[in-house]
Amino acid sequence: MDKNKNNNCIRALKQIEKGFIMNINDSEIGKEIEILRKLNHPYIMKLYEYYVNDRKLYLISELCDEGDLQKKIKKIGKFPEFIVKIIMLQVFKALNYLNEKHVIHGDLKLENILVACYD
């Protein structure tokens, strides 16, 4: 988590070991990064920037401070039906947007649905 110096917005900072990736732009993760940077939807996490050095890839994204949906379900237990309806509607709207952009998610699961808390 980090604060943008220009506008005081809090962003998430994720570090990924590069491992055997020599050129980010030619890799699968590089393609995913470019797709994410072009997407703009309220129910899809926004990727703002990325940086690469010799050892790591740094992703700066929207902060989803409540973790993933799987952890949230384990913590809370059974959700009320009206909450499930809201979550499913948001997921379906996001998937529809991706479909309109000719993007396939490819790994849709509870761990990949992040939860943000807005005051």
N, C-alpha and C. Protein backbone atom coordinates (compact mmCIF):
# COMPACT_ATOMS: atom_id res chain seq x y z
N MET A 1 0.85 -1.17 0.00
CA MET A 1 0.00 0.00 0.00
C MET A 1 0.89 1.23 0.00
N ASP A 2 0.53 2.21 -0.79
CA ASP A 2 1.33 3.42 -0.92
C ASP A 2 0.41 4.58 -1.26
N LYS A 3 0.83 5.79 -0.93
CA LYS A 3 0.03 6.97 -1.21
C LYS A 3 0.64 7.73 -2.39
N ASN A 4 -0.21 8.10 -3.36
CA ASN A 4 0.23 8.87 -4.50
C ASN A 4 0.59 10.27 -4.01
N LYS A 5 1.80 10.73 -4.32
CA LYS A 5 2.26 12.03 -3.84
C LYS A 5 1.53 13.19 -4.49
N ASN A 6 0.98 12.97 -5.69
CA ASN A 6 0.30 14.05 -6.40
C ASN A 6 -1.12 14.30 -5.91
N ASN A 7 -1.84 13.23 -5.54
CA ASN A 7 -3.25 13.42 -5.19
C ASN A 7 -3.65 12.75 -3.88
N ASN A 8 -2.71 12.20 -3.13
CA ASN A 8 -2.94 11.56 -1.83
C ASN A 8 -3.85 10.33 -1.89
N CYS A 9 -4.09 9.78 -3.08
CA CYS A 9 -4.89 8.54 -3.19
C CYS A 9 -4.02 7.36 -2.77
N ILE A 10 -4.63 6.45 -2.04
CA ILE A 10 -3.91 5.26 -1.61
C ILE A 10 -4.03 4.21 -2.69
N ARG A 11 -2.91 3.62 -3.07
CA ARG A 11 -2.85 2.60 -4.11
C ARG A 11 -2.21 1.33 -3.54
N ALA A 12 -2.43 0.22 -4.22
CA ALA A 12 -1.80 -1.04 -3.85
C ALA A 12 -0.51 -1.18 -4.64
N LEU A 13 0.51 -1.72 -4.01
CA LEU A 13 1.78 -2.00 -4.67
C LEU A 13 2.08 -3.48 -4.51
N LYS A 14 2.13 -4.20 -5.62
CA LYS A 14 2.41 -5.63 -5.60
C LYS A 14 3.76 -5.86 -6.26
N GLN A 15 4.60 -6.66 -5.59
CA GLN A 15 5.91 -6.99 -6.12
C GLN A 15 5.92 -8.45 -6.56
N ILE A 16 6.41 -8.70 -7.77
CA ILE A 16 6.48 -10.05 -8.30
C ILE A 16 7.92 -10.32 -8.72
N GLU A 17 8.47 -11.43 -8.24
CA GLU A 17 9.80 -11.84 -8.66
C GLU A 17 9.76 -12.16 -10.16
N LYS A 18 10.73 -11.63 -10.90
CA LYS A 18 10.74 -11.86 -12.34
C LYS A 18 11.10 -13.30 -12.70
N GLY A 19 11.93 -13.94 -11.91
CA GLY A 19 12.32 -15.31 -12.22
C GLY A 19 13.00 -15.41 -13.56
N PHE A 20 12.42 -16.22 -14.45
CA PHE A 20 13.02 -16.45 -15.75
C PHE A 20 12.51 -15.51 -16.84
N ILE A 21 11.67 -14.57 -16.48
CA ILE A 21 11.14 -13.63 -17.47
C ILE A 21 12.24 -12.64 -17.85
N MET A 22 12.65 -12.69 -19.08
CA MET A 22 13.71 -11.79 -19.54
C MET A 22 13.14 -10.46 -20.02
N ASN A 23 12.08 -10.55 -20.83
CA ASN A 23 11.48 -9.35 -21.39
C ASN A 23 9.99 -9.33 -21.04
N ILE A 24 9.60 -8.44 -20.16
CA ILE A 24 8.20 -8.35 -19.71
C ILE A 24 7.27 -8.15 -20.91
N ASN A 25 7.65 -7.31 -21.85
CA ASN A 25 6.77 -6.98 -22.97
C ASN A 25 6.44 -8.20 -23.84
N ASP A 26 7.34 -9.16 -23.92
CA ASP A 26 7.12 -10.35 -24.75
C ASP A 26 6.50 -11.51 -23.97
N SER A 27 6.25 -11.34 -22.69
CA SER A 27 5.76 -12.44 -21.85
C SER A 27 4.23 -12.40 -21.74
N GLU A 28 3.67 -13.48 -21.21
CA GLU A 28 2.22 -13.53 -20.98
C GLU A 28 1.80 -12.47 -19.97
N ILE A 29 2.60 -12.30 -18.93
CA ILE A 29 2.24 -11.30 -17.91
C ILE A 29 2.29 -9.90 -18.51
N GLY A 30 3.20 -9.67 -19.43
CA GLY A 30 3.26 -8.38 -20.12
C GLY A 30 2.01 -8.11 -20.93
N LYS A 31 1.49 -9.16 -21.59
CA LYS A 31 0.25 -9.02 -22.35
C LYS A 31 -0.92 -8.74 -21.41
N GLU A 32 -0.96 -9.42 -20.28
CA GLU A 32 -2.02 -9.19 -19.29
C GLU A 32 -1.96 -7.78 -18.75
N ILE A 33 -0.76 -7.28 -18.50
CA ILE A 33 -0.59 -5.92 -17.99
C ILE A 33 -1.14 -4.91 -18.99
N GLU A 34 -0.81 -5.08 -20.26
CA GLU A 34 -1.28 -4.14 -21.27
C GLU A 34 -2.80 -4.18 -21.41
N ILE A 35 -3.39 -5.36 -21.31
CA ILE A 35 -4.86 -5.46 -21.35
C ILE A 35 -5.46 -4.74 -20.15
N LEU A 36 -4.93 -5.02 -18.95
CA LEU A 36 -5.47 -4.39 -17.73
C LEU A 36 -5.36 -2.88 -17.78
N ARG A 37 -4.28 -2.36 -18.31
CA ARG A 37 -4.09 -0.90 -18.36
C ARG A 37 -5.11 -0.22 -19.27
N LYS A 38 -5.66 -0.96 -20.24
CA LYS A 38 -6.62 -0.39 -21.17
C LYS A 38 -8.06 -0.47 -20.66
N LEU A 39 -8.30 -1.30 -19.65
CA LEU A 39 -9.66 -1.48 -19.15
C LEU A 39 -10.04 -0.35 -18.21
N ASN A 40 -11.31 0.03 -18.26
CA ASN A 40 -11.81 1.08 -17.38
C ASN A 40 -13.26 0.78 -17.04
N HIS A 41 -13.45 0.10 -15.91
CA HIS A 41 -14.80 -0.30 -15.48
C HIS A 41 -14.84 -0.26 -13.96
N PRO A 42 -15.95 0.18 -13.38
CA PRO A 42 -16.01 0.30 -11.92
C PRO A 42 -15.87 -1.03 -11.16
N TYR A 43 -16.11 -2.16 -11.82
CA TYR A 43 -16.02 -3.45 -11.14
C TYR A 43 -14.81 -4.26 -11.57
N ILE A 44 -13.85 -3.60 -12.20
CA ILE A 44 -12.58 -4.24 -12.56
C ILE A 44 -11.46 -3.41 -11.96
N MET A 45 -10.58 -4.09 -11.21
CA MET A 45 -9.48 -3.40 -10.56
C MET A 45 -8.64 -2.64 -11.60
N LYS A 46 -8.38 -1.39 -11.32
CA LYS A 46 -7.62 -0.54 -12.24
C LYS A 46 -6.12 -0.71 -11.98
N LEU A 47 -5.39 -1.01 -13.03
CA LEU A 47 -3.93 -1.05 -12.97
C LEU A 47 -3.43 0.29 -13.50
N TYR A 48 -2.74 1.05 -12.65
CA TYR A 48 -2.31 2.39 -13.03
C TYR A 48 -0.95 2.40 -13.70
N GLU A 49 0.00 1.72 -13.10
CA GLU A 49 1.37 1.74 -13.60
C GLU A 49 2.05 0.42 -13.32
N TYR A 50 3.17 0.20 -13.98
CA TYR A 50 4.03 -0.92 -13.63
C TYR A 50 5.48 -0.50 -13.88
N TYR A 51 6.37 -1.09 -13.11
CA TYR A 51 7.80 -0.80 -13.21
C TYR A 51 8.54 -2.13 -13.13
N VAL A 52 9.67 -2.16 -13.80
CA VAL A 52 10.47 -3.39 -13.84
C VAL A 52 11.92 -3.02 -13.55
N ASN A 53 12.56 -3.86 -12.71
CA ASN A 53 14.00 -3.75 -12.57
C ASN A 53 14.60 -5.13 -12.85
N ASP A 54 15.85 -5.35 -12.52
CA ASP A 54 16.50 -6.63 -12.83
C ASP A 54 15.85 -7.81 -12.12
N ARG A 55 15.28 -7.59 -10.94
CA ARG A 55 14.78 -8.70 -10.13
C ARG A 55 13.27 -8.77 -10.00
N LYS A 56 12.58 -7.63 -10.07
CA LYS A 56 11.16 -7.62 -9.75
C LYS A 56 10.33 -6.81 -10.73
N LEU A 57 9.06 -7.16 -10.72
CA LEU A 57 8.03 -6.42 -11.44
C LEU A 57 7.15 -5.78 -10.36
N TYR A 58 6.88 -4.49 -10.49
CA TYR A 58 6.07 -3.77 -9.52
C TYR A 58 4.78 -3.32 -10.20
N LEU A 59 3.65 -3.68 -9.61
CA LEU A 59 2.34 -3.29 -10.15
C LEU A 59 1.68 -2.31 -9.18
N ILE A 60 1.26 -1.17 -9.69
CA ILE A 60 0.56 -0.18 -8.87
C ILE A 60 -0.89 -0.15 -9.35
N SER A 61 -1.79 -0.51 -8.43
CA SER A 61 -3.19 -0.68 -8.81
C SER A 61 -4.11 -0.04 -7.79
N GLU A 62 -5.37 -0.06 -8.15
CA GLU A 62 -6.42 0.35 -7.22
C GLU A 62 -6.35 -0.54 -5.98
N LEU A 63 -6.58 0.03 -4.83
CA LEU A 63 -6.54 -0.72 -3.58
C LEU A 63 -7.88 -1.41 -3.34
N CYS A 64 -7.84 -2.72 -3.21
CA CYS A 64 -9.01 -3.52 -2.84
C CYS A 64 -8.73 -4.05 -1.44
N ASP A 65 -9.00 -3.23 -0.46
CA ASP A 65 -8.50 -3.43 0.90
C ASP A 65 -9.21 -4.50 1.71
N GLU A 66 -10.23 -5.12 1.17
CA GLU A 66 -10.93 -6.17 1.92
C GLU A 66 -10.48 -7.58 1.52
N GLY A 67 -9.48 -7.68 0.65
CA GLY A 67 -8.97 -8.99 0.25
C GLY A 67 -9.83 -9.63 -0.83
N ASP A 68 -9.71 -10.94 -0.97
CA ASP A 68 -10.48 -11.62 -2.01
C ASP A 68 -11.78 -12.19 -1.44
N LEU A 69 -12.67 -12.56 -2.34
CA LEU A 69 -14.01 -13.01 -1.94
C LEU A 69 -13.96 -14.32 -1.16
N GLN A 70 -13.04 -15.20 -1.50
CA GLN A 70 -12.94 -16.47 -0.78
C GLN A 70 -12.62 -16.22 0.71
N LYS A 71 -11.65 -15.36 0.97
CA LYS A 71 -11.28 -15.06 2.37
C LYS A 71 -12.43 -14.36 3.10
N LYS A 72 -13.13 -13.51 2.37
CA LYS A 72 -14.26 -12.79 2.97
C LYS A 72 -15.38 -13.77 3.36
N ILE A 73 -15.65 -14.75 2.51
CA ILE A 73 -16.67 -15.76 2.81
C ILE A 73 -16.25 -16.60 4.01
N LYS A 74 -14.98 -16.98 4.07
CA LYS A 74 -14.49 -17.76 5.22
C LYS A 74 -14.59 -16.96 6.51
N LYS A 75 -14.34 -15.66 6.42
CA LYS A 75 -14.37 -14.80 7.61
C LYS A 75 -15.81 -14.55 8.07
N ILE A 76 -16.70 -14.25 7.14
CA ILE A 76 -18.07 -13.87 7.49
C ILE A 76 -19.00 -15.07 7.58
N GLY A 77 -18.75 -16.05 6.73
CA GLY A 77 -19.67 -17.18 6.64
C GLY A 77 -20.66 -16.95 5.53
N LYS A 78 -21.86 -17.39 5.71
CA LYS A 78 -22.89 -17.29 4.68
C LYS A 78 -23.33 -15.84 4.51
N PHE A 79 -23.33 -15.37 3.26
CA PHE A 79 -23.79 -14.02 2.97
C PHE A 79 -25.31 -14.00 2.84
N PRO A 80 -25.95 -12.91 3.23
CA PRO A 80 -27.38 -12.76 2.99
C PRO A 80 -27.65 -12.73 1.48
N GLU A 81 -28.83 -13.17 1.09
CA GLU A 81 -29.16 -13.28 -0.33
C GLU A 81 -29.02 -11.95 -1.07
N PHE A 82 -29.41 -10.84 -0.45
CA PHE A 82 -29.33 -9.56 -1.15
C PHE A 82 -27.88 -9.16 -1.43
N ILE A 83 -26.94 -9.55 -0.56
CA ILE A 83 -25.51 -9.28 -0.79
C ILE A 83 -25.00 -10.14 -1.96
N VAL A 84 -25.41 -11.40 -1.98
CA VAL A 84 -25.02 -12.30 -3.08
C VAL A 84 -25.52 -11.73 -4.41
N LYS A 85 -26.75 -11.22 -4.43
CA LYS A 85 -27.30 -10.63 -5.66
C LYS A 85 -26.45 -9.45 -6.12
N ILE A 86 -26.03 -8.61 -5.19
CA ILE A 86 -25.20 -7.45 -5.54
C ILE A 86 -23.85 -7.90 -6.10
N ILE A 87 -23.23 -8.86 -5.42
CA ILE A 87 -21.93 -9.36 -5.88
C ILE A 87 -22.05 -9.97 -7.27
N MET A 88 -23.07 -10.82 -7.47
CA MET A 88 -23.23 -11.47 -8.77
C MET A 88 -23.53 -10.46 -9.87
N LEU A 89 -24.32 -9.45 -9.57
CA LEU A 89 -24.61 -8.42 -10.56
C LEU A 89 -23.32 -7.69 -10.97
N GLN A 90 -22.48 -7.37 -9.99
CA GLN A 90 -21.22 -6.71 -10.28
C GLN A 90 -20.29 -7.60 -11.10
N VAL A 91 -20.23 -8.88 -10.76
CA VAL A 91 -19.40 -9.82 -11.53
C VAL A 91 -19.91 -9.93 -12.96
N PHE A 92 -21.23 -10.06 -13.13
CA PHE A 92 -21.80 -10.19 -14.47
C PHE A 92 -21.58 -8.91 -15.29
N LYS A 93 -21.69 -7.75 -14.66
CA LYS A 93 -21.43 -6.49 -15.38
C LYS A 93 -19.96 -6.41 -15.83
N ALA A 94 -19.06 -6.84 -14.96
CA ALA A 94 -17.64 -6.84 -15.31
C ALA A 94 -17.36 -7.81 -16.45
N LEU A 95 -17.95 -9.01 -16.38
CA LEU A 95 -17.76 -10.00 -17.45
C LEU A 95 -18.35 -9.53 -18.76
N ASN A 96 -19.49 -8.87 -18.71
CA ASN A 96 -20.10 -8.31 -19.92
C ASN A 96 -19.19 -7.26 -20.54
N TYR A 97 -18.61 -6.40 -19.72
CA TYR A 97 -17.68 -5.38 -20.20
C TYR A 97 -16.48 -6.05 -20.88
N LEU A 98 -15.92 -7.08 -20.23
CA LEU A 98 -14.78 -7.79 -20.81
C LEU A 98 -15.16 -8.41 -22.15
N ASN A 99 -16.35 -8.98 -22.22
CA ASN A 99 -16.83 -9.58 -23.46
C ASN A 99 -16.93 -8.53 -24.57
N GLU A 100 -17.44 -7.35 -24.23
CA GLU A 100 -17.53 -6.27 -25.21
C GLU A 100 -16.16 -5.83 -25.70
N LYS A 101 -15.14 -5.97 -24.86
CA LYS A 101 -13.76 -5.61 -25.22
C LYS A 101 -13.00 -6.78 -25.83
N HIS A 102 -13.68 -7.91 -26.02
CA HIS A 102 -13.08 -9.13 -26.58
C HIS A 102 -11.94 -9.66 -25.71
N VAL A 103 -12.16 -9.61 -24.40
CA VAL A 103 -11.19 -10.11 -23.42
C VAL A 103 -11.84 -11.28 -22.69
N ILE A 104 -11.09 -12.37 -22.58
CA ILE A 104 -11.55 -13.54 -21.83
C ILE A 104 -10.78 -13.58 -20.52
N HIS A 105 -11.50 -13.71 -19.41
CA HIS A 105 -10.83 -13.73 -18.11
C HIS A 105 -9.93 -14.94 -17.97
N GLY A 106 -10.45 -16.13 -18.15
CA GLY A 106 -9.64 -17.34 -18.16
C GLY A 106 -9.36 -17.97 -16.82
N ASP A 107 -9.58 -17.26 -15.72
CA ASP A 107 -9.31 -17.84 -14.40
C ASP A 107 -10.27 -17.25 -13.37
N LEU A 108 -11.56 -17.34 -13.66
CA LEU A 108 -12.57 -16.77 -12.78
C LEU A 108 -12.81 -17.71 -11.60
N LYS A 109 -12.47 -17.23 -10.41
CA LYS A 109 -12.67 -17.99 -9.17
C LYS A 109 -12.74 -16.99 -8.03
N LEU A 110 -13.20 -17.47 -6.87
CA LEU A 110 -13.40 -16.58 -5.72
C LEU A 110 -12.13 -15.83 -5.33
N GLU A 111 -10.99 -16.50 -5.44
CA GLU A 111 -9.71 -15.87 -5.06
C GLU A 111 -9.34 -14.72 -5.98
N ASN A 112 -9.92 -14.66 -7.18
CA ASN A 112 -9.62 -13.61 -8.13
C ASN A 112 -10.66 -12.50 -8.17
N ILE A 113 -11.61 -12.57 -7.27
CA ILE A 113 -12.60 -11.50 -7.13
C ILE A 113 -12.22 -10.73 -5.88
N LEU A 114 -11.71 -9.53 -6.08
CA LEU A 114 -11.24 -8.72 -4.97
C LEU A 114 -12.36 -7.83 -4.43
N VAL A 115 -12.29 -7.54 -3.15
CA VAL A 115 -13.34 -6.77 -2.48
C VAL A 115 -12.75 -5.44 -2.03
N ALA A 116 -13.39 -4.37 -2.43
CA ALA A 116 -12.98 -3.03 -2.00
C ALA A 116 -14.02 -2.49 -1.04
N CYS A 117 -13.58 -1.69 -0.11
CA CYS A 117 -14.48 -1.07 0.86
C CYS A 117 -14.43 0.44 0.61
N TYR A 118 -15.56 1.01 0.26
CA TYR A 118 -15.62 2.46 0.01
C TYR A 118 -16.46 3.11 1.09
N ASP A 119 -15.91 4.14 1.70
CA ASP A 119 -16.64 4.86 2.76
C ASP A 119 -17.62 5.84 2.17
